[in-house]
């Protein structure tokens, strides 16, 4: 299957993308991973992207699209892929359509993870990260440490990242509503959007998504 995963910050896209890709036996193609891989390998695209990033500028759509194209042409993506973080706007969605059409393939579904905005803010703004190991993540509501401000695993100090502050989260949501959310209507016009309730346990959300994809596949 060829799937695009969309949803606001805090809806659990990264977690669900990893799980769904594993269940469906297709590669998880994340924009962040693409950038990191190209920059670390010092590819021409990576060097170009880094030049924009070092100057404090946004990486142009054409560079992002070229990276995605290169990744989707790898052998492990021949049977399908799950795109996470791309396309990020309607222009990128149109470019993706042109790319897939030129290859004689098309998307099977666009999974739209939905979560109430206030819940998204609560999820992100409540996160606390261990200064010793960023893999140790806690939450002031959902995963409280035994002692406030102290990591249960190593005793390190727990802190809130700058981009997890409530003001920053709300700004990120504004950007999502302005730039990314319009692609949902774009794909709805093609009959591709499958809305998934992102509230609940991780396994529950994964189960809903897999069931919806199964229904979608059966209907086609």
C-alpha atoms as a PDB file:
ATOM      1  CA  UNK A   1       0.000   0.000   0.000  1.00  0.00           C
ATOM      2  CA  UNK A   2       1.009   3.590  -0.631  1.00  0.00           C
ATOM      3  CA  UNK A   3      -0.124   5.785   2.220  1.00  0.00           C
ATOM      4  CA  UNK A   4       0.215   9.392   3.341  1.00  0.00           C
ATOM      5  CA  UNK A   5      -0.171  10.038   7.081  1.00  0.00           C
ATOM      6  CA  UNK A   6      -1.303  13.476   8.225  1.00  0.00           C
ATOM      7  CA  UNK A   7      -2.410  15.038  11.494  1.00  0.00           C
ATOM      8  CA  UNK A   8      -1.561  17.896  13.846  1.00  0.00           C
ATOM      9  CA  UNK A   9       1.510  17.957  16.101  1.00  0.00           C
ATOM     10  CA  UNK A  10       0.846  15.728  19.093  1.00  0.00           C
ATOM     11  CA  UNK A  11      -1.600  13.417  17.321  1.00  0.00           C
ATOM     12  CA  UNK A  12       0.905  10.551  17.472  1.00  0.00           C
ATOM     13  CA  UNK A  13       1.952  10.464  13.816  1.00  0.00           C
ATOM     14  CA  UNK A  14       5.501   9.309  14.479  1.00  0.00           C
ATOM     15  CA  UNK A  15       4.417   6.461  16.741  1.00  0.00           C
ATOM     16  CA  UNK A  16       1.624   5.334  14.444  1.00  0.00           C
ATOM     17  CA  UNK A  17       3.751   5.656  11.314  1.00  0.00           C
ATOM     18  CA  UNK A  18       6.379   3.311  12.742  1.00  0.00           C
ATOM     19  CA  UNK A  19       3.793   0.778  13.905  1.00  0.00           C
ATOM     20  CA  UNK A  20       1.704   0.834  10.735  1.00  0.00           C
ATOM     21  CA  UNK A  21       4.734   0.536   8.459  1.00  0.00           C
ATOM     22  CA  UNK A  22       5.887  -2.503  10.424  1.00  0.00           C
ATOM     23  CA  UNK A  23       2.431  -4.120  10.357  1.00  0.00           C
ATOM     24  CA  UNK A  24       2.053  -3.490   6.626  1.00  0.00           C
ATOM     25  CA  UNK A  25       5.665  -4.424   5.835  1.00  0.00           C
ATOM     26  CA  UNK A  26       6.373  -1.178   3.985  1.00  0.00           C
ATOM     27  CA  UNK A  27       9.066   1.458   4.659  1.00  0.00           C
ATOM     28  CA  UNK A  28       8.270   4.443   6.868  1.00  0.00           C
ATOM     29  CA  UNK A  29       9.490   7.501   4.963  1.00  0.00           C
ATOM     30  CA  UNK A  30       9.819  10.456   7.320  1.00  0.00           C
ATOM     31  CA  UNK A  31      10.794  13.926   6.117  1.00  0.00           C
ATOM     32  CA  UNK A  32      13.027  14.360   9.152  1.00  0.00           C
ATOM     33  CA  UNK A  33      14.802  11.071   8.463  1.00  0.00           C
ATOM     34  CA  UNK A  34      15.262  12.035   4.796  1.00  0.00           C
ATOM     35  CA  UNK A  35      16.946  15.295   5.735  1.00  0.00           C
ATOM     36  CA  UNK A  36      19.168  13.686   8.349  1.00  0.00           C
ATOM     37  CA  UNK A  37      20.190  10.835   6.030  1.00  0.00           C
ATOM     38  CA  UNK A  38      21.020  13.094   3.089  1.00  0.00           C
ATOM     39  CA  UNK A  39      22.933  15.552   5.251  1.00  0.00           C
ATOM     40  CA  UNK A  40      24.908  12.840   7.078  1.00  0.00           C
ATOM     41  CA  UNK A  41      25.790  11.138   3.757  1.00  0.00           C
ATOM     42  CA  UNK A  42      26.665  14.510   2.277  1.00  0.00           C
ATOM     43  CA  UNK A  43      24.620  13.884  -0.849  1.00  0.00           C
ATOM     44  CA  UNK A  44      24.181  16.776  -3.260  1.00  0.00           C
ATOM     45  CA  UNK A  45      20.629  17.212  -2.006  1.00  0.00           C
ATOM     46  CA  UNK A  46      21.833  17.049   1.581  1.00  0.00           C
ATOM     47  CA  UNK A  47      24.467  19.732   0.960  1.00  0.00           C
ATOM     48  CA  UNK A  48      21.863  21.907  -0.727  1.00  0.00           C
ATOM     49  CA  UNK A  49      19.363  21.463   2.110  1.00  0.00           C
ATOM     50  CA  UNK A  50      22.046  22.212   4.706  1.00  0.00           C
ATOM     51  CA  UNK A  51      23.009  25.431   2.940  1.00  0.00           C
ATOM     52  CA  UNK A  52      19.458  26.709   3.344  1.00  0.00           C
ATOM     53  CA  UNK A  53      19.179  25.486   6.921  1.00  0.00           C
ATOM     54  CA  UNK A  54      22.526  27.031   7.934  1.00  0.00           C
ATOM     55  CA  UNK A  55      21.343  30.349   6.537  1.00  0.00           C
ATOM     56  CA  UNK A  56      18.182  30.090   8.636  1.00  0.00           C
ATOM     57  CA  UNK A  57      15.965  29.645   5.589  1.00  0.00           C
ATOM     58  CA  UNK A  58      13.284  27.087   4.782  1.00  0.00           C
ATOM     59  CA  UNK A  59      14.368  24.300   2.460  1.00  0.00           C
ATOM     60  CA  UNK A  60      12.530  24.822  -0.873  1.00  0.00           C
ATOM     61  CA  UNK A  61       9.801  22.372  -1.836  1.00  0.00           C
ATOM     62  CA  UNK A  62      11.758  21.151  -4.850  1.00  0.00           C
ATOM     63  CA  UNK A  63      14.609  19.927  -2.650  1.00  0.00           C
ATOM     64  CA  UNK A  64      12.249  18.095  -0.295  1.00  0.00           C
ATOM     65  CA  UNK A  65      10.396  16.584  -3.249  1.00  0.00           C
ATOM     66  CA  UNK A  66      13.654  15.430  -4.848  1.00  0.00           C
ATOM     67  CA  UNK A  67      14.674  13.699  -1.605  1.00  0.00           C
ATOM     68  CA  UNK A  68      11.285  11.987  -1.343  1.00  0.00           C
ATOM     69  CA  UNK A  69      11.474  10.899  -4.988  1.00  0.00           C
ATOM     70  CA  UNK A  70      14.906   9.375  -4.485  1.00  0.00           C
ATOM     71  CA  UNK A  71      13.729   7.494  -1.384  1.00  0.00           C
ATOM     72  CA  UNK A  72      10.545   6.173  -3.004  1.00  0.00           C
ATOM     73  CA  UNK A  73      12.609   4.791  -5.873  1.00  0.00           C
ATOM     74  CA  UNK A  74      14.631   2.544  -3.550  1.00  0.00           C
ATOM     75  CA  UNK A  75      13.989  -1.231  -3.907  1.00  0.00           C
ATOM     76  CA  UNK A  76      12.308  -1.612  -0.503  1.00  0.00           C
ATOM     77  CA  UNK A  77       9.610   0.878  -1.537  1.00  0.00           C
ATOM     78  CA  UNK A  78       8.582  -0.949  -4.710  1.00  0.00           C
ATOM     79  CA  UNK A  79       5.656  -2.616  -2.931  1.00  0.00           C
ATOM     80  CA  UNK A  80       4.505   0.503  -1.136  1.00  0.00           C
ATOM     81  CA  UNK A  81       5.463   3.086   1.466  1.00  0.00           C
ATOM     82  CA  UNK A  82       4.100   5.237   4.253  1.00  0.00           C
ATOM     83  CA  UNK A  83       4.882   8.959   3.963  1.00  0.00           C
ATOM     84  CA  UNK A  84       5.111  10.884   7.229  1.00  0.00           C
ATOM     85  CA  UNK A  85       5.669  14.656   7.091  1.00  0.00           C
ATOM     86  CA  UNK A  86       5.406  14.794   3.299  1.00  0.00           C
ATOM     87  CA  UNK A  87       3.531  16.277   1.561  1.00  0.00           C
ATOM     88  CA  UNK A  88       3.385  19.249   3.948  1.00  0.00           C
ATOM     89  CA  UNK A  89       1.365  21.591   1.719  1.00  0.00           C
ATOM     90  CA  UNK A  90      -0.857  21.504  -1.367  1.00  0.00           C
ATOM     91  CA  UNK A  91       2.028  22.355  -3.680  1.00  0.00           C
ATOM     92  CA  UNK A  92       3.936  19.304  -2.449  1.00  0.00           C
ATOM     93  CA  UNK A  93       0.794  17.166  -2.739  1.00  0.00           C
ATOM     94  CA  UNK A  94       0.383  18.205  -6.367  1.00  0.00           C
ATOM     95  CA  UNK A  95       4.052  17.453  -7.045  1.00  0.00           C
ATOM     96  CA  UNK A  96       3.656  14.019  -5.414  1.00  0.00           C
ATOM     97  CA  UNK A  97       0.648  13.290  -7.638  1.00  0.00           C
ATOM     98  CA  UNK A  98       2.656  14.216 -10.731  1.00  0.00           C
ATOM     99  CA  UNK A  99       5.553  12.052  -9.594  1.00  0.00           C
ATOM    100  CA  UNK A 100       3.397   9.005  -8.900  1.00  0.00           C
ATOM    101  CA  UNK A 101       1.427   9.441 -12.120  1.00  0.00           C
ATOM    102  CA  UNK A 102       4.668   9.535 -14.114  1.00  0.00           C
ATOM    103  CA  UNK A 103       5.549   6.179 -12.532  1.00  0.00           C
ATOM    104  CA  UNK A 104       2.102   4.717 -13.250  1.00  0.00           C
ATOM    105  CA  UNK A 105       1.205   4.340  -9.582  1.00  0.00           C
ATOM    106  CA  UNK A 106      -1.134   6.106  -7.176  1.00  0.00           C
ATOM    107  CA  UNK A 107      -1.845   6.549  -3.500  1.00  0.00           C
ATOM    108  CA  UNK A 108      -4.144   4.049  -1.798  1.00  0.00           C
ATOM    109  CA  UNK A 109      -5.155   6.178   1.182  1.00  0.00           C
ATOM    110  CA  UNK A 110      -4.485   9.322   3.175  1.00  0.00           C
ATOM    111  CA  UNK A 111      -4.829   8.631   6.897  1.00  0.00           C
ATOM    112  CA  UNK A 112      -5.926  11.716   8.814  1.00  0.00           C
ATOM    113  CA  UNK A 113      -5.238  11.371  12.542  1.00  0.00           C
ATOM    114  CA  UNK A 114      -7.651  13.614  14.429  1.00  0.00           C
ATOM    115  CA  UNK A 115      -7.339  14.811  18.026  1.00  0.00           C
ATOM    116  CA  UNK A 116      -8.980  17.765  19.846  1.00  0.00           C
ATOM    117  CA  UNK A 117      -6.700  20.795  19.820  1.00  0.00           C
ATOM    118  CA  UNK A 118      -6.672  21.233  23.593  1.00  0.00           C
ATOM    119  CA  UNK A 119      -5.718  17.582  24.013  1.00  0.00           C
ATOM    120  CA  UNK A 120      -2.844  18.061  21.564  1.00  0.00           C
ATOM    121  CA  UNK A 121      -1.601  21.049  23.560  1.00  0.00           C
ATOM    122  CA  UNK A 122      -1.903  19.068  26.796  1.00  0.00           C
ATOM    123  CA  UNK A 123      -0.016  16.095  25.338  1.00  0.00           C
ATOM    124  CA  UNK A 124       2.946  18.121  24.098  1.00  0.00           C
ATOM    125  CA  UNK A 125       3.199  20.835  26.761  1.00  0.00           C
ATOM    126  CA  UNK A 126       3.130  18.177  29.499  1.00  0.00           C
ATOM    127  CA  UNK A 127       6.160  16.278  28.205  1.00  0.00           C
ATOM    128  CA  UNK A 128       9.308  16.226  30.292  1.00  0.00           C
ATOM    129  CA  UNK A 129      12.619  14.925  28.939  1.00  0.00           C
ATOM    130  CA  UNK A 130      15.616  13.586  30.861  1.00  0.00           C
ATOM    131  CA  UNK A 131      18.737  15.712  30.390  1.00  0.00           C
ATOM    132  CA  UNK A 132      20.908  12.587  30.598  1.00  0.00           C
ATOM    133  CA  UNK A 133      19.000  10.583  27.973  1.00  0.00           C
ATOM    134  CA  UNK A 134      16.343  12.054  25.696  1.00  0.00           C
ATOM    135  CA  UNK A 135      14.845   8.571  25.279  1.00  0.00           C
ATOM    136  CA  UNK A 136      13.567   8.832  28.864  1.00  0.00           C
ATOM    137  CA  UNK A 137      10.302  10.725  28.412  1.00  0.00           C
ATOM    138  CA  UNK A 138       7.701  11.460  31.083  1.00  0.00           C
ATOM    139  CA  UNK A 139       4.469  13.456  31.260  1.00  0.00           C
ATOM    140  CA  UNK A 140       3.026  15.601  34.029  1.00  0.00           C
ATOM    141  CA  UNK A 141      -0.383  13.923  33.554  1.00  0.00           C
ATOM    142  CA  UNK A 142      -0.030  10.632  31.685  1.00  0.00           C
ATOM    143  CA  UNK A 143       3.345   9.323  32.878  1.00  0.00           C
ATOM    144  CA  UNK A 144       4.354  11.035  36.090  1.00  0.00           C
ATOM    145  CA  UNK A 145       7.808  10.315  37.524  1.00  0.00           C
ATOM    146  CA  UNK A 146       7.933   8.990  41.077  1.00  0.00           C
ATOM    147  CA  UNK A 147       9.599  12.247  42.118  1.00  0.00           C
ATOM    148  CA  UNK A 148       8.782  15.543  40.418  1.00  0.00           C
ATOM    149  CA  UNK A 149      11.544  16.660  38.083  1.00  0.00           C
ATOM    150  CA  UNK A 150      13.604  13.490  38.466  1.00  0.00           C
ATOM    151  CA  UNK A 151      13.985  10.693  35.904  1.00  0.00           C
ATOM    152  CA  UNK A 152      12.828   7.303  37.232  1.00  0.00           C
ATOM    153  CA  UNK A 153      15.426   5.512  35.088  1.00  0.00           C
ATOM    154  CA  UNK A 154      18.690   7.309  35.835  1.00  0.00           C
ATOM    155  CA  UNK A 155      17.912  10.082  38.307  1.00  0.00           C
ATOM    156  CA  UNK A 156      18.638  12.792  35.758  1.00  0.00           C
ATOM    157  CA  UNK A 157      16.885  16.168  35.727  1.00  0.00           C
ATOM    158  CA  UNK A 158      13.619  16.321  33.787  1.00  0.00           C
ATOM    159  CA  UNK A 159      13.001  19.449  31.745  1.00  0.00           C
ATOM    160  CA  UNK A 160      10.578  20.874  29.182  1.00  0.00           C
ATOM    161  CA  UNK A 161      12.023  21.475  25.725  1.00  0.00           C
ATOM    162  CA  UNK A 162      11.581  25.001  24.373  1.00  0.00           C
ATOM    163  CA  UNK A 163       9.509  23.747  21.445  1.00  0.00           C
ATOM    164  CA  UNK A 164       7.191  21.907  23.855  1.00  0.00           C
ATOM    165  CA  UNK A 165       6.057  25.091  25.625  1.00  0.00           C
ATOM    166  CA  UNK A 166       2.345  25.880  25.289  1.00  0.00           C
ATOM    167  CA  UNK A 167       2.960  29.071  23.278  1.00  0.00           C
ATOM    168  CA  UNK A 168       5.229  27.236  20.843  1.00  0.00           C
ATOM    169  CA  UNK A 169       2.777  24.345  20.490  1.00  0.00           C
ATOM    170  CA  UNK A 170      -0.045  26.744  19.631  1.00  0.00           C
ATOM    171  CA  UNK A 171       2.152  28.435  17.023  1.00  0.00           C
ATOM    172  CA  UNK A 172       2.981  25.025  15.540  1.00  0.00           C
ATOM    173  CA  UNK A 173      -0.740  24.271  15.367  1.00  0.00           C
ATOM    174  CA  UNK A 174      -1.357  27.563  13.576  1.00  0.00           C
ATOM    175  CA  UNK A 175       1.254  26.593  10.983  1.00  0.00           C
ATOM    176  CA  UNK A 176      -0.377  23.165  10.607  1.00  0.00           C
ATOM    177  CA  UNK A 177      -3.847  24.681  10.103  1.00  0.00           C
ATOM    178  CA  UNK A 178      -2.534  27.193   7.568  1.00  0.00           C
ATOM    179  CA  UNK A 179      -0.091  25.085   5.562  1.00  0.00           C
ATOM    180  CA  UNK A 180      -0.802  21.382   5.997  1.00  0.00           C
ATOM    181  CA  UNK A 181      -4.497  21.025   6.805  1.00  0.00           C
ATOM    182  CA  UNK A 182      -5.543  22.188   3.300  1.00  0.00           C
ATOM    183  CA  UNK A 183      -4.087  18.989   1.829  1.00  0.00           C
ATOM    184  CA  UNK A 184      -6.888  17.077   3.569  1.00  0.00           C
ATOM    185  CA  UNK A 185      -9.494  18.804   1.387  1.00  0.00           C
ATOM    186  CA  UNK A 186      -7.208  18.299  -1.603  1.00  0.00           C
ATOM    187  CA  UNK A 187      -7.164  14.544  -1.030  1.00  0.00           C
ATOM    188  CA  UNK A 188     -10.841  14.395  -0.027  1.00  0.00           C
ATOM    189  CA  UNK A 189     -11.638  15.548  -3.551  1.00  0.00           C
ATOM    190  CA  UNK A 190      -9.854  12.400  -4.732  1.00  0.00           C
ATOM    191  CA  UNK A 191     -11.745  10.173  -2.298  1.00  0.00           C
ATOM    192  CA  UNK A 192      -8.555   9.151  -0.502  1.00  0.00           C
ATOM    193  CA  UNK A 193      -9.011  10.492   3.035  1.00  0.00           C
ATOM    194  CA  UNK A 194      -9.671   8.061   5.878  1.00  0.00           C
ATOM    195  CA  UNK A 195     -10.230   9.805   9.215  1.00  0.00           C
ATOM    196  CA  UNK A 196      -8.838   8.055  12.302  1.00  0.00           C
ATOM    197  CA  UNK A 197      -9.704   9.000  15.877  1.00  0.00           C
ATOM    198  CA  UNK A 198      -6.283   9.489  17.482  1.00  0.00           C
ATOM    199  CA  UNK A 199      -7.483   9.471  21.095  1.00  0.00           C
ATOM    200  CA  UNK A 200      -6.972   6.394  23.266  1.00  0.00           C
ATOM    201  CA  UNK A 201      -4.244   3.829  23.787  1.00  0.00           C
ATOM    202  CA  UNK A 202      -1.571   3.471  21.103  1.00  0.00           C
ATOM    203  CA  UNK A 203      -2.687  -0.078  20.254  1.00  0.00           C
ATOM    204  CA  UNK A 204      -6.299   1.059  19.899  1.00  0.00           C
ATOM    205  CA  UNK A 205      -5.374   3.799  17.418  1.00  0.00           C
ATOM    206  CA  UNK A 206      -3.205   1.380  15.411  1.00  0.00           C
ATOM    207  CA  UNK A 207      -6.085  -1.102  15.331  1.00  0.00           C
ATOM    208  CA  UNK A 208      -8.508   1.555  14.070  1.00  0.00           C
ATOM    209  CA  UNK A 209      -6.104   2.563  11.322  1.00  0.00           C
ATOM    210  CA  UNK A 210      -5.483  -1.015  10.166  1.00  0.00           C
ATOM    211  CA  UNK A 211      -9.221  -1.789  10.187  1.00  0.00           C
ATOM    212  CA  UNK A 212      -9.943   1.366   8.184  1.00  0.00           C
ATOM    213  CA  UNK A 213      -7.266   0.520   5.633  1.00  0.00           C
ATOM    214  CA  UNK A 214      -8.674  -2.984   5.303  1.00  0.00           C
ATOM    215  CA  UNK A 215     -12.153  -1.586   4.640  1.00  0.00           C
ATOM    216  CA  UNK A 216     -10.750   0.929   2.189  1.00  0.00           C
ATOM    217  CA  UNK A 217      -8.886  -1.790   0.317  1.00  0.00           C
ATOM    218  CA  UNK A 218     -11.980  -4.020   0.197  1.00  0.00           C
ATOM    219  CA  UNK A 219     -14.078  -1.190  -1.240  1.00  0.00           C
ATOM    220  CA  UNK A 220     -11.715  -0.643  -4.174  1.00  0.00           C
END
